[in-house]
Amino acid sequence: MCLALPAEIVEIDPTLDKATVSLEGVKKEISLALVEDVSVGDFVLVHVGYALSKVSRSEAEKTLELMAQVGQKTPQIEEVS
């Protein structure tokens, strides 16, 4: 299963077609090669270092909230030795 997470663009380097995104304070450089017309403050779906599409702030917030809820309800897997 593949998972793409919404992240906010905090910086753009148009000469390299790259951006820096932030997700809960973690910053990562990603490629913008697959999207057009994005700006600082926009949210994009990120998968393996690429922005796949632009999403609205409300959709990004809703998705992140659902991910947080799933994380709280998922039982921890204990390591068996």
C-alpha atoms as a PDB file:
ATOM      1  CA  MET A   1       0.000   0.000   0.000  1.00  0.00           C
ATOM      2  CA  CYS A   2       1.257   3.481  -0.853  1.00  0.00           C
ATOM      3  CA  LEU A   3       0.650   6.458   1.357  1.00  0.00           C
ATOM      4  CA  ALA A   4       0.825  10.135   0.434  1.00  0.00           C
ATOM      5  CA  LEU A   5       0.670  12.727   3.184  1.00  0.00           C
ATOM      6  CA  PRO A   6      -0.375  16.365   2.927  1.00  0.00           C
ATOM      7  CA  ALA A   7       2.377  18.841   3.789  1.00  0.00           C
ATOM      8  CA  GLU A   8       2.624  22.631   3.635  1.00  0.00           C
ATOM      9  CA  ILE A   9       5.083  24.287   1.285  1.00  0.00           C
ATOM     10  CA  VAL A  10       7.312  26.640   3.298  1.00  0.00           C
ATOM     11  CA  GLU A  11       9.934  27.481   0.669  1.00  0.00           C
ATOM     12  CA  ILE A  12      10.290  27.141  -3.105  1.00  0.00           C
ATOM     13  CA  ASP A  13      13.438  27.024  -5.229  1.00  0.00           C
ATOM     14  CA  PRO A  14      12.101  27.584  -8.765  1.00  0.00           C
ATOM     15  CA  THR A  15      15.545  27.179 -10.344  1.00  0.00           C
ATOM     16  CA  LEU A  16      15.690  23.541  -9.182  1.00  0.00           C
ATOM     17  CA  ASP A  17      11.925  22.810  -9.323  1.00  0.00           C
ATOM     18  CA  LYS A  18      12.086  21.873  -5.635  1.00  0.00           C
ATOM     19  CA  ALA A  19      10.360  22.956  -2.456  1.00  0.00           C
ATOM     20  CA  THR A  20      10.742  22.555   1.264  1.00  0.00           C
ATOM     21  CA  VAL A  21       7.624  21.252   2.989  1.00  0.00           C
ATOM     22  CA  SER A  22       6.743  21.019   6.657  1.00  0.00           C
ATOM     23  CA  LEU A  23       4.667  18.362   8.367  1.00  0.00           C
ATOM     24  CA  GLU A  24       4.297  18.756  12.133  1.00  0.00           C
ATOM     25  CA  GLY A  25       7.578  20.667  12.274  1.00  0.00           C
ATOM     26  CA  VAL A  26       9.561  18.155  10.211  1.00  0.00           C
ATOM     27  CA  LYS A  27      10.968  19.754   7.076  1.00  0.00           C
ATOM     28  CA  LYS A  28      11.863  17.887   3.901  1.00  0.00           C
ATOM     29  CA  GLU A  29      12.979  18.890   0.432  1.00  0.00           C
ATOM     30  CA  ILE A  30      10.726  17.545  -2.332  1.00  0.00           C
ATOM     31  CA  SER A  31      10.431  17.720  -6.103  1.00  0.00           C
ATOM     32  CA  LEU A  32       7.766  19.861  -7.755  1.00  0.00           C
ATOM     33  CA  ALA A  33       8.243  18.200 -11.154  1.00  0.00           C
ATOM     34  CA  LEU A  34       4.746  16.673 -11.129  1.00  0.00           C
ATOM     35  CA  VAL A  35       2.723  19.740 -10.078  1.00  0.00           C
ATOM     36  CA  GLU A  36       2.123  23.226 -11.427  1.00  0.00           C
ATOM     37  CA  ASP A  37       0.985  26.522  -9.954  1.00  0.00           C
ATOM     38  CA  VAL A  38       1.964  26.003  -6.296  1.00  0.00           C
ATOM     39  CA  SER A  39       3.039  28.706  -3.867  1.00  0.00           C
ATOM     40  CA  VAL A  40       4.410  29.016  -0.356  1.00  0.00           C
ATOM     41  CA  GLY A  41       1.525  28.241   2.013  1.00  0.00           C
ATOM     42  CA  ASP A  42      -0.116  25.707  -0.316  1.00  0.00           C
ATOM     43  CA  PHE A  43      -0.593  22.084   0.728  1.00  0.00           C
ATOM     44  CA  VAL A  44       0.512  19.224  -1.506  1.00  0.00           C
ATOM     45  CA  LEU A  45       0.252  15.457  -1.254  1.00  0.00           C
ATOM     46  CA  VAL A  46       3.787  14.089  -0.873  1.00  0.00           C
ATOM     47  CA  HIS A  47       4.903  10.566  -1.745  1.00  0.00           C
ATOM     48  CA  VAL A  48       8.537   9.385  -1.899  1.00  0.00           C
ATOM     49  CA  GLY A  49       9.891  12.897  -2.254  1.00  0.00           C
ATOM     50  CA  TYR A  50       7.487  14.138  -4.937  1.00  0.00           C
ATOM     51  CA  ALA A  51       4.506  16.465  -4.696  1.00  0.00           C
ATOM     52  CA  LEU A  52       1.716  14.571  -6.457  1.00  0.00           C
ATOM     53  CA  SER A  53      -1.061  17.160  -6.358  1.00  0.00           C
ATOM     54  CA  LYS A  54      -2.196  20.317  -4.655  1.00  0.00           C
ATOM     55  CA  VAL A  55      -4.895  19.966  -1.960  1.00  0.00           C
ATOM     56  CA  SER A  56      -6.931  22.503  -0.027  1.00  0.00           C
ATOM     57  CA  ARG A  57      -5.960  23.472   3.505  1.00  0.00           C
ATOM     58  CA  SER A  58      -9.249  22.049   4.838  1.00  0.00           C
ATOM     59  CA  GLU A  59      -8.709  18.710   3.071  1.00  0.00           C
ATOM     60  CA  ALA A  60      -5.128  18.548   4.377  1.00  0.00           C
ATOM     61  CA  GLU A  61      -6.265  19.286   7.945  1.00  0.00           C
ATOM     62  CA  LYS A  62      -9.039  16.694   7.726  1.00  0.00           C
ATOM     63  CA  THR A  63      -6.640  14.038   6.428  1.00  0.00           C
ATOM     64  CA  LEU A  64      -4.025  14.771   9.098  1.00  0.00           C
ATOM     65  CA  GLU A  65      -6.689  14.612  11.815  1.00  0.00           C
ATOM     66  CA  LEU A  66      -7.867  11.205  10.550  1.00  0.00           C
ATOM     67  CA  MET A  67      -4.258   9.963  10.468  1.00  0.00           C
ATOM     68  CA  ALA A  68      -3.790  11.100  14.077  1.00  0.00           C
ATOM     69  CA  GLN A  69      -6.962   9.279  15.136  1.00  0.00           C
ATOM     70  CA  VAL A  70      -5.842   6.074  13.432  1.00  0.00           C
ATOM     71  CA  GLY A  71      -2.462   6.325  15.145  1.00  0.00           C
ATOM     72  CA  GLN A  72      -4.111   6.659  18.545  1.00  0.00           C
ATOM     73  CA  LYS A  73      -6.328   3.625  18.006  1.00  0.00           C
ATOM     74  CA  THR A  74      -3.758   1.309  16.447  1.00  0.00           C
ATOM     75  CA  PRO A  75      -2.436  -1.159  19.021  1.00  0.00           C
ATOM     76  CA  GLN A  76       1.310  -1.235  19.463  1.00  0.00           C
ATOM     77  CA  ILE A  77       3.026  -4.352  18.123  1.00  0.00           C
ATOM     78  CA  GLU A  78       5.356  -5.820  20.677  1.00  0.00           C
ATOM     79  CA  GLU A  79       8.632  -7.340  19.600  1.00  0.00           C
ATOM     80  CA  VAL A  80       8.835 -11.056  20.299  1.00  0.00           C
ATOM     81  CA  SER A  81      12.262 -12.267  21.333  1.00  0.00           C
END
